[in-house]
Amino acid sequence: MQTTVETTDKHTVKLTIEVPVEEFDEDLERTYRAIGNSIKVPGFRKGKVPKQIIDTQVGEEVVLEEFVQLQVPTYFRKAVGEEDLAPITDPDVDVEQLERGKPFIFTATVEVRPRLALTAADYQGLKVERPSATVAESDIDEYIDRLRERFSELEPAERPIQDGDFATVDVKAEVGGEPLDEATRTDYLYFVGSGEFGEQLDKDLPGKKPGDIVTTSEPLPERFEDKAGKVVTFTVLVKDVKARKLPEADDGFAKTASEFDTLAQLRDDLRERLGELKEREATKIIRDRALEAMVDKVDEDIPESLVQDETNHRVTHAGERAGQMGISLEQMLEIQGWDMDRLREDSRDHAVRAIKADLALEGVARAAELEVTAEEIGAEINVLAQAYGRDPKEFAKQLDRSGQIVTLAGDIIRTKALDLLVEHADITDETEPAGSEEPESSKETE
């Protein structure tokens, strides 16, 4: 099969595909057999109807039309594969020559995915700042404070409510004047700041004392599932106030809260574990920043059809997330203070950046001649199969049947390209903002 490619417009090409006579005759014969198996002709067994009879019964033009419908998609896929093109729309097909004994010739005009022609100079030496992975003593203090809160005790507080207190309350919830049992509570120990009944109640409770009544109205949060998003009026009676009494941060606390005998040992362990966590976070940020720096260099018009498809995909995904929360997309947007126009605008902006990121990584992969091996694909399939609790061989067959192997290979090659960006990036330590260093006194431990 011979293919010539002509650029007719930006991101649009015209393929002229010529199928040799031998291949054309063989595939046309296959079409006759398919039609012969689908019709009944007196005097002939099914599948044994001669071509001349088929031409008489259904018409040669119908046979040739059926041939075009069946075979052109196959020829087209083979041609774009050989020419390494990635169509993003359905092709506009015109048959140029369709005669027995002659090559079959047709043209296919199609919009294709852009390809960036990059060199090593385009992707090497990207300026990237490495965030600090240093563990400050304040980081350890904060972690220990959270541990102390977990082991805290409640004691009565003879004062108004403060953020972080617990209050015994009666909660009456109504929707349109009708009681909402799911959000109604009696003698309920409520943590002020939890957002359990929405944000407004947590803003209104501080400063209140036993006997005070607070009334708020706001949408129910996501945890109420099918009721989430409904505007509810809460009437809350404060009965008492309890404050948390935190244990002292000493050796005794370390023994209670951990496997260590001293607070110093606990702090050393936290310093090591938080350091490992910060290193992983820093590595991820470096990769994100390297990709952002590469995307900023992409000066390529993106086909509108590609942008629209990606934008629509993101809007659809937002609707699916809303459905999982038991609310409509419109309700979710209302809760966020957004509307559909803002969602589409935001989705479009992210779509353009995501497409440019993929194009950039694909360009890097081509420039560096990166490849994906069967072993790498197999290893990734094993990881995915384990995550989904599937047999790797069956999972691989399913991916192959659905065409997802190609997608998986693309993901692997883009990951390799991003690895290469980071490897060749000019990475410097992030500049600390002026005055951000901790005072020496705050660094003192025990």
Protein backbone atom coordinates (compact mmCIF):
# COMPACT_ATOMS: atom_id res chain seq x y z
CA MET A 1 0.00 0.00 0.00
CA GLN A 2 1.40 3.38 -1.04
CA THR A 3 0.57 6.61 0.81
CA THR A 4 1.43 10.21 0.04
CA VAL A 5 0.79 12.99 2.55
CA GLU A 6 0.01 16.59 1.66
CA THR A 7 -0.49 19.39 4.19
CA THR A 8 -3.63 21.27 3.17
CA ASP A 9 -4.06 23.50 6.22
CA LYS A 10 -2.54 23.96 9.66
CA HIS A 11 -2.87 20.61 11.45
CA THR A 12 -4.79 19.19 8.46
CA VAL A 13 -3.37 16.69 5.97
CA LYS A 14 -4.63 14.94 2.87
CA LEU A 15 -3.58 11.32 2.48
CA THR A 16 -3.72 9.74 -0.96
CA ILE A 17 -3.79 5.99 -0.40
CA GLU A 18 -3.24 3.51 -3.23
CA VAL A 19 -4.08 -0.13 -2.58
CA PRO A 20 -2.35 -2.56 -5.00
CA VAL A 21 -4.53 -4.62 -7.34
CA GLU A 22 -3.69 -7.90 -5.57
CA GLU A 23 -4.65 -6.59 -2.13
CA PHE A 24 -7.75 -4.87 -3.54
CA ASP A 25 -8.90 -8.09 -5.26
CA GLU A 26 -8.35 -10.14 -2.08
CA ASP A 27 -10.29 -7.71 0.12
CA LEU A 28 -13.06 -7.36 -2.48
CA GLU A 29 -13.35 -11.14 -2.51
CA ARG A 30 -13.73 -11.03 1.27
CA THR A 31 -16.58 -8.56 0.85
CA TYR A 32 -18.34 -10.87 -1.63
CA ARG A 33 -18.05 -13.76 0.85
CA ALA A 34 -19.52 -11.64 3.64
CA ILE A 35 -22.48 -10.66 1.46
CA GLY A 36 -22.88 -14.23 0.22
CA ASN A 37 -23.19 -15.41 3.81
CA SER A 38 -25.91 -12.86 4.52
CA ILE A 39 -28.28 -13.50 1.61
CA LYS A 40 -30.37 -16.48 0.50
CA VAL A 41 -30.46 -17.42 -3.18
CA PRO A 42 -32.56 -20.41 -4.31
CA GLY A 43 -30.38 -23.20 -5.66
CA PHE A 44 -27.24 -22.14 -3.85
CA ARG A 45 -25.97 -23.02 -0.42
CA LYS A 46 -25.30 -20.17 1.95
CA GLY A 47 -21.82 -18.80 1.38
CA LYS A 48 -21.51 -20.52 -2.01
CA VAL A 49 -23.27 -17.89 -4.13
CA PRO A 50 -21.12 -16.93 -7.18
CA LYS A 51 -20.07 -13.30 -7.53
CA GLN A 52 -22.04 -12.90 -10.75
CA ILE A 53 -25.24 -13.97 -8.97
CA ILE A 54 -24.49 -11.60 -6.08
CA ASP A 55 -24.01 -8.76 -8.57
CA THR A 56 -27.37 -9.63 -10.11
CA GLN A 57 -29.16 -10.00 -6.79
CA VAL A 58 -27.84 -6.96 -4.88
CA GLY A 59 -26.01 -4.98 -7.56
CA GLU A 60 -22.30 -4.51 -8.14
CA GLU A 61 -22.53 -0.91 -6.91
CA VAL A 62 -23.88 -2.12 -3.56
CA VAL A 63 -21.01 -4.61 -3.27
CA LEU A 64 -18.42 -1.93 -4.00
CA GLU A 65 -20.09 0.44 -1.54
CA GLU A 66 -20.00 -2.29 1.10
CA PHE A 67 -16.31 -2.85 0.31
CA VAL A 68 -15.58 0.84 0.87
CA GLN A 69 -17.47 0.84 4.19
CA LEU A 70 -15.65 -2.27 5.42
CA GLN A 71 -12.12 -1.75 4.13
CA VAL A 72 -11.43 2.00 4.00
CA PRO A 73 -11.20 2.33 7.82
CA THR A 74 -8.65 -0.51 7.86
CA TYR A 75 -6.58 1.03 5.05
CA PHE A 76 -6.78 4.43 6.75
CA ARG A 77 -5.60 3.14 10.14
CA LYS A 78 -2.72 1.33 8.49
CA ALA A 79 -1.71 4.45 6.54
CA VAL A 80 -1.73 6.82 9.52
CA GLY A 81 0.22 4.24 11.51
CA GLU A 82 2.87 3.98 8.80
CA GLU A 83 3.08 7.77 8.51
CA ASP A 84 3.11 8.17 12.33
CA LEU A 85 0.10 10.51 12.34
CA ALA A 86 -2.45 10.93 15.13
CA PRO A 87 -5.88 11.88 13.73
CA ILE A 88 -8.10 13.90 16.07
CA THR A 89 -11.19 13.97 13.81
CA ASP A 90 -12.93 11.52 11.51
CA PRO A 91 -11.49 11.60 7.98
CA ASP A 92 -13.29 13.11 5.00
CA VAL A 93 -12.97 10.31 2.42
CA ASP A 94 -13.21 10.65 -1.36
CA VAL A 95 -12.91 7.59 -3.65
CA GLU A 96 -10.71 8.40 -6.63
CA GLN A 97 -10.58 5.01 -8.36
CA LEU A 98 -12.67 1.91 -7.69
CA GLU A 99 -12.48 -0.46 -10.64
CA ARG A 100 -11.72 -4.15 -10.81
CA GLY A 101 -8.30 -4.91 -12.21
CA LYS A 102 -6.95 -1.52 -11.13
CA PRO A 103 -5.47 -0.25 -7.85
CA PHE A 104 -8.01 1.13 -5.41
CA ILE A 105 -7.27 4.79 -4.77
CA PHE A 106 -8.91 7.12 -2.28
CA THR A 107 -8.07 10.29 -0.37
CA ALA A 108 -8.63 10.99 3.32
CA THR A 109 -8.48 14.55 4.62
CA VAL A 110 -8.12 14.68 8.37
CA GLU A 111 -7.09 16.97 11.22
CA VAL A 112 -4.09 15.57 13.08
CA ARG A 113 -2.47 16.09 16.44
CA PRO A 114 0.37 18.65 16.29
CA ARG A 115 3.95 17.45 16.62
CA LEU A 116 6.65 19.61 18.13
CA ALA A 117 10.02 19.44 16.42
CA LEU A 118 12.42 19.79 19.34
CA THR A 119 16.17 19.53 19.77
CA ALA A 120 18.19 18.80 22.88
CA ALA A 121 18.72 22.54 23.32
CA ASP A 122 14.95 23.02 23.63
CA TYR A 123 14.55 20.78 26.65
CA GLN A 124 17.92 20.78 28.39
CA GLY A 125 18.90 23.35 30.99
CA LEU A 126 15.40 24.31 32.13
CA LYS A 127 15.57 26.64 35.12
CA VAL A 128 13.95 24.92 38.10
CA GLU A 129 13.99 25.82 41.78
CA ARG A 130 14.21 23.06 44.36
CA PRO A 131 11.99 23.67 47.41
CA SER A 132 13.62 23.26 50.77
CA ALA A 133 13.32 19.82 52.32
CA THR A 134 14.74 20.99 55.64
CA VAL A 135 12.71 19.99 58.66
CA ALA A 136 12.33 22.96 60.98
CA GLU A 137 11.89 22.53 64.68
CA SER A 138 8.51 24.22 64.27
CA ASP A 139 7.48 21.37 61.95
CA ILE A 140 8.25 18.88 64.71
CA ASP A 141 6.51 21.09 67.28
CA GLU A 142 3.40 21.19 65.10
CA TYR A 143 3.36 17.40 64.71
CA ILE A 144 3.80 16.88 68.44
CA ASP A 145 1.00 19.37 69.13
CA ARG A 146 -1.30 17.29 66.93
CA LEU A 147 -0.26 14.20 68.88
CA ARG A 148 -1.01 16.02 72.15
CA GLU A 149 -4.49 16.89 70.83
CA ARG A 150 -5.14 13.21 70.18
CA PHE A 151 -4.30 12.40 73.80
CA SER A 152 -6.06 15.43 75.26
CA GLU A 153 -8.80 15.37 77.90
CA LEU A 154 -11.89 17.57 78.09
CA GLU A 155 -12.63 19.77 81.08
CA PRO A 156 -15.44 22.28 81.74
CA ALA A 157 -14.62 25.85 80.68
CA GLU A 158 -16.18 28.76 82.58
CA ARG A 159 -15.92 31.12 79.62
CA PRO A 160 -17.45 31.71 76.16
CA ILE A 161 -16.70 29.28 73.32
CA GLN A 162 -13.37 29.54 71.52
CA ASP A 163 -12.33 27.97 68.24
CA GLY A 164 -11.10 24.44 68.98
CA ASP A 165 -13.40 23.93 71.96
CA PHE A 166 -16.05 21.26 72.34
CA ALA A 167 -19.62 22.33 73.12
CA THR A 168 -22.61 20.26 74.15
CA VAL A 169 -25.43 21.43 71.87
CA ASP A 170 -28.93 20.66 70.69
CA VAL A 171 -29.13 20.99 66.89
CA LYS A 172 -32.47 21.44 65.14
CA ALA A 173 -32.26 21.20 61.33
CA GLU A 174 -35.02 22.17 58.89
CA VAL A 175 -35.40 22.35 55.13
CA GLY A 176 -38.24 24.63 54.02
CA GLY A 177 -39.78 24.40 57.48
CA GLU A 178 -39.69 20.59 57.46
CA PRO A 179 -37.47 18.74 60.01
CA LEU A 180 -34.31 17.10 58.67
CA ASP A 181 -33.68 14.17 60.98
CA GLU A 182 -30.27 13.34 59.50
CA ALA A 183 -28.84 16.62 60.79
CA THR A 184 -30.79 16.92 64.06
CA ARG A 185 -28.91 16.23 67.31
CA THR A 186 -29.66 16.26 71.06
CA ASP A 187 -26.95 16.62 73.75
CA TYR A 188 -24.39 16.42 70.96
CA LEU A 189 -20.71 17.02 71.71
CA TYR A 190 -19.66 19.27 68.86
CA PHE A 191 -16.07 20.21 67.94
CA VAL A 192 -16.03 23.89 67.03
CA GLY A 193 -14.05 24.17 63.82
CA SER A 194 -14.91 20.74 62.42
CA GLY A 195 -17.22 22.09 59.72
CA GLU A 196 -19.56 19.18 60.42
CA PHE A 197 -22.63 21.35 59.78
CA GLY A 198 -20.96 23.77 57.38
CA GLU A 199 -18.61 26.72 57.82
CA GLN A 200 -21.05 29.38 59.05
CA LEU A 201 -21.86 27.67 62.35
CA ASP A 202 -18.17 27.49 63.21
CA LYS A 203 -17.92 31.23 62.56
CA ASP A 204 -20.94 32.05 64.74
CA LEU A 205 -20.29 29.83 67.78
CA PRO A 206 -17.08 31.47 69.14
CA GLY A 207 -18.04 34.02 71.79
CA LYS A 208 -21.27 32.24 72.68
CA LYS A 209 -21.94 30.84 76.17
CA PRO A 210 -24.35 28.28 77.67
CA GLY A 211 -27.96 29.30 77.05
CA ASP A 212 -27.22 31.15 73.80
CA ILE A 213 -29.03 30.17 70.60
CA VAL A 214 -27.39 30.39 67.18
CA THR A 215 -29.32 30.25 63.89
CA THR A 216 -27.59 29.75 60.53
CA SER A 217 -28.58 28.74 57.00
CA GLU A 218 -26.29 27.13 54.45
CA PRO A 219 -25.99 24.14 52.10
CA LEU A 220 -25.40 20.76 53.71
CA PRO A 221 -21.80 19.48 53.24
CA GLU A 222 -20.87 16.46 51.13
CA ARG A 223 -21.02 13.90 53.96
CA PHE A 224 -24.85 14.08 53.87
CA GLU A 225 -24.68 12.37 50.44
CA ASP A 226 -28.09 12.62 48.73
CA LYS A 227 -29.05 15.58 50.93
CA ALA A 228 -25.77 17.42 50.23
CA GLY A 229 -26.23 20.84 48.71
CA LYS A 230 -29.71 21.43 50.16
CA VAL A 231 -30.03 24.72 52.06
CA VAL A 232 -30.72 23.91 55.71
CA THR A 233 -31.60 26.17 58.62
CA PHE A 234 -29.80 25.16 61.83
CA THR A 235 -31.02 26.30 65.25
CA VAL A 236 -28.35 25.47 67.84
CA LEU A 237 -28.74 25.72 71.62
CA VAL A 238 -25.44 25.89 73.52
CA LYS A 239 -25.61 23.86 76.76
CA ASP A 240 -22.02 23.84 78.01
CA VAL A 241 -18.44 24.50 76.94
CA LYS A 242 -15.51 22.11 77.28
CA ALA A 243 -11.86 22.91 76.58
CA ARG A 244 -9.16 20.44 75.72
CA LYS A 245 -6.47 19.90 78.32
CA LEU A 246 -3.32 18.90 76.48
CA PRO A 247 -0.71 16.66 78.11
CA GLU A 248 2.70 18.16 78.71
CA ALA A 249 5.24 17.46 75.98
CA ASP A 250 7.68 15.46 78.12
CA ASP A 251 9.20 12.01 78.38
CA GLY A 252 6.03 10.61 79.95
CA PHE A 253 4.00 11.81 76.98
CA ALA A 254 6.52 10.27 74.57
CA LYS A 255 6.10 6.89 76.29
CA THR A 256 2.31 7.17 76.07
CA ALA A 257 2.12 8.37 72.47
CA SER A 258 4.95 6.37 70.87
CA GLU A 259 7.37 3.49 71.24
CA PHE A 260 10.10 5.83 72.50
CA ASP A 261 11.19 6.40 76.10
CA THR A 262 12.10 10.07 75.78
CA LEU A 263 10.79 13.12 74.00
CA ALA A 264 14.21 13.64 72.42
CA GLN A 265 14.03 10.20 70.81
CA LEU A 266 10.52 10.92 69.53
CA ARG A 267 11.65 14.24 68.05
CA ASP A 268 14.63 12.59 66.33
CA ASP A 269 12.34 9.98 64.78
CA LEU A 270 9.89 12.66 63.62
CA ARG A 271 12.76 14.69 62.17
CA GLU A 272 13.83 11.70 60.07
CA ARG A 273 10.33 10.73 58.93
CA LEU A 274 9.28 14.30 58.13
CA GLY A 275 12.56 14.74 56.24
CA GLU A 276 11.77 11.72 54.05
CA LEU A 277 8.26 13.06 53.43
CA LYS A 278 9.59 16.51 52.50
CA GLU A 279 12.16 14.96 50.16
CA ARG A 280 9.39 13.10 48.32
CA GLU A 281 7.29 16.25 48.15
CA ALA A 282 10.29 18.24 46.87
CA THR A 283 10.93 15.64 44.15
CA LYS A 284 7.33 15.87 42.99
CA ILE A 285 7.44 19.68 42.98
CA ILE A 286 10.66 19.64 40.94
CA ARG A 287 9.00 17.43 38.33
CA ASP A 288 5.93 19.67 38.23
CA ARG A 289 8.07 22.78 37.85
CA ALA A 290 10.23 21.23 35.14
CA LEU A 291 7.12 20.36 33.15
CA GLU A 292 5.66 23.85 33.70
CA ALA A 293 8.91 25.40 32.46
CA MET A 294 8.77 23.21 29.35
CA VAL A 295 5.12 24.05 28.71
CA ASP A 296 5.92 27.76 28.95
CA LYS A 297 8.27 27.28 25.98
CA VAL A 298 5.58 25.71 23.79
CA ASP A 299 4.46 28.24 21.18
CA GLU A 300 2.04 26.17 19.16
CA ASP A 301 -1.53 26.78 18.06
CA ILE A 302 -3.65 23.97 19.42
CA PRO A 303 -6.46 22.68 17.16
CA GLU A 304 -9.78 23.93 18.48
CA SER A 305 -11.32 20.48 18.14
CA LEU A 306 -8.63 19.07 20.45
CA VAL A 307 -9.21 21.82 23.01
CA GLN A 308 -12.98 21.38 22.87
CA ASP A 309 -12.74 17.61 23.35
CA GLU A 310 -10.48 17.99 26.39
CA THR A 311 -12.62 20.79 27.81
CA ASN A 312 -15.79 18.73 27.41
CA HIS A 313 -14.06 15.77 29.06
CA ARG A 314 -13.19 17.89 32.09
CA VAL A 315 -16.70 19.32 32.38
CA THR A 316 -18.15 15.80 32.13
CA HIS A 317 -15.74 14.62 34.82
CA ALA A 318 -16.89 17.48 37.08
CA GLY A 319 -20.46 16.31 36.59
CA GLU A 320 -19.47 12.75 37.51
CA ARG A 321 -17.79 13.99 40.70
CA ALA A 322 -20.95 15.89 41.61
CA GLY A 323 -23.01 12.76 40.98
CA GLN A 324 -20.78 10.76 43.31
CA MET A 325 -21.57 13.33 46.02
CA GLY A 326 -25.28 12.91 45.36
CA ILE A 327 -25.82 16.39 43.93
CA SER A 328 -26.17 17.90 40.47
CA LEU A 329 -23.36 19.77 38.75
CA GLU A 330 -25.35 23.01 39.10
CA GLN A 331 -25.66 22.45 42.87
CA MET A 332 -21.94 21.81 43.20
CA LEU A 333 -21.12 24.97 41.28
CA GLU A 334 -23.53 26.96 43.44
CA ILE A 335 -21.80 25.71 46.58
CA GLN A 336 -18.45 26.80 45.13
CA GLY A 337 -19.82 30.16 44.06
CA TRP A 338 -19.24 29.31 40.39
CA ASP A 339 -21.45 29.07 37.33
CA MET A 340 -21.22 26.97 34.15
CA ASP A 341 -19.43 29.72 32.22
CA ARG A 342 -16.69 29.90 34.83
CA LEU A 343 -16.39 26.11 34.92
CA ARG A 344 -15.97 25.94 31.14
CA GLU A 345 -13.46 28.79 31.16
CA ASP A 346 -11.43 27.15 33.92
CA SER A 347 -11.69 23.73 32.22
CA ARG A 348 -10.53 25.23 28.93
CA ASP A 349 -7.49 26.88 30.53
CA HIS A 350 -6.48 23.60 32.15
CA ALA A 351 -7.19 21.71 28.92
CA VAL A 352 -4.81 23.91 26.92
CA ARG A 353 -2.03 23.50 29.51
CA ALA A 354 -2.57 19.73 29.66
CA ILE A 355 -2.46 19.36 25.87
CA LYS A 356 0.69 21.47 25.64
CA ALA A 357 2.28 19.36 28.37
CA ASP A 358 1.55 16.15 26.46
CA LEU A 359 2.80 17.64 23.17
CA ALA A 360 5.98 18.85 24.86
CA LEU A 361 6.74 15.48 26.44
CA GLU A 362 5.99 13.69 23.16
CA GLY A 363 8.37 16.09 21.41
CA VAL A 364 11.09 15.42 23.98
CA ALA A 365 10.60 11.67 23.57
CA ARG A 366 11.04 11.92 19.80
CA ALA A 367 14.06 14.22 20.05
CA ALA A 368 15.75 11.88 22.53
CA GLU A 369 14.58 8.77 20.62
CA LEU A 370 13.04 7.29 23.74
CA GLU A 371 11.34 3.93 23.41
CA VAL A 372 9.07 1.71 25.45
CA THR A 373 10.00 -1.94 25.83
CA ALA A 374 7.63 -4.88 26.14
CA GLU A 375 9.10 -5.51 29.59
CA GLU A 376 8.18 -1.99 30.74
CA ILE A 377 4.63 -2.35 29.45
CA GLY A 378 4.36 -5.75 31.11
CA ALA A 379 5.60 -4.38 34.42
CA GLU A 380 3.07 -1.53 34.32
CA ILE A 381 0.26 -3.95 33.47
CA ASN A 382 1.22 -6.08 36.48
CA VAL A 383 1.06 -3.02 38.75
CA LEU A 384 -2.35 -2.03 37.39
CA ALA A 385 -3.70 -5.58 37.54
CA GLN A 386 -2.65 -5.86 41.18
CA ALA A 387 -4.30 -2.53 41.98
CA TYR A 388 -7.57 -3.71 40.42
CA GLY A 389 -7.32 -7.24 41.80
CA ARG A 390 -7.18 -8.76 38.31
CA ASP A 391 -5.19 -11.56 36.72
CA PRO A 392 -2.33 -9.87 34.80
CA LYS A 393 -2.75 -12.01 31.66
CA GLU A 394 -6.49 -11.45 31.44
CA PHE A 395 -6.04 -7.78 32.22
CA ALA A 396 -3.44 -7.48 29.43
CA LYS A 397 -5.85 -9.10 26.96
CA GLN A 398 -8.59 -6.67 27.95
CA LEU A 399 -6.28 -3.67 27.48
CA ASP A 400 -5.18 -4.99 24.10
CA ARG A 401 -8.76 -5.55 22.90
CA SER A 402 -9.78 -2.03 23.95
CA GLY A 403 -6.72 -0.39 22.42
CA GLN A 404 -5.52 0.81 25.84
CA ILE A 405 -2.07 -0.72 25.38
CA VAL A 406 -1.20 2.19 23.09
CA THR A 407 -2.43 4.64 25.73
CA LEU A 408 -0.39 2.86 28.39
CA ALA A 409 2.72 2.99 26.21
CA GLY A 410 2.14 6.71 25.71
CA ASP A 411 1.95 7.25 29.47
CA ILE A 412 5.22 5.39 29.97
CA ILE A 413 7.04 7.32 27.24
CA ARG A 414 5.83 10.65 28.64
CA THR A 415 7.02 9.65 32.11
CA LYS A 416 10.43 8.84 30.63
CA ALA A 417 10.49 12.21 28.88
CA LEU A 418 9.71 13.98 32.15
CA ASP A 419 12.52 12.03 33.83
CA LEU A 420 14.82 13.34 31.10
CA LEU A 421 13.66 16.93 31.63
CA VAL A 422 14.49 16.70 35.34
CA GLU A 423 17.80 14.95 34.66
CA HIS A 424 18.97 17.77 32.38
CA ALA A 425 17.36 20.67 34.26
CA ASP A 426 19.35 23.47 35.85
CA ILE A 427 18.13 22.97 39.41
CA THR A 428 18.93 25.54 42.09
CA ASP A 429 17.77 25.87 45.67
CA GLU A 430 14.66 27.92 46.18
CA THR A 431 15.36 31.35 47.61
CA GLU A 432 14.02 31.73 51.12
CA PRO A 433 11.81 34.82 51.57
CA ALA A 434 13.47 37.56 53.60
CA GLY A 435 12.88 37.13 57.31
CA SER A 436 11.64 33.56 56.94
CA GLU A 437 14.38 31.99 59.07
CA GLU A 438 13.32 30.83 62.49
CA PRO A 439 14.60 32.73 65.51
CA GLU A 440 17.24 30.79 67.39
CA SER A 441 14.99 30.65 70.47
CA SER A 442 12.32 28.72 68.54
CA LYS A 443 14.85 26.06 67.57
CA GLU A 444 15.61 25.09 71.13
CA THR A 445 14.32 21.71 72.16
CA GLU A 446 14.43 20.16 75.54
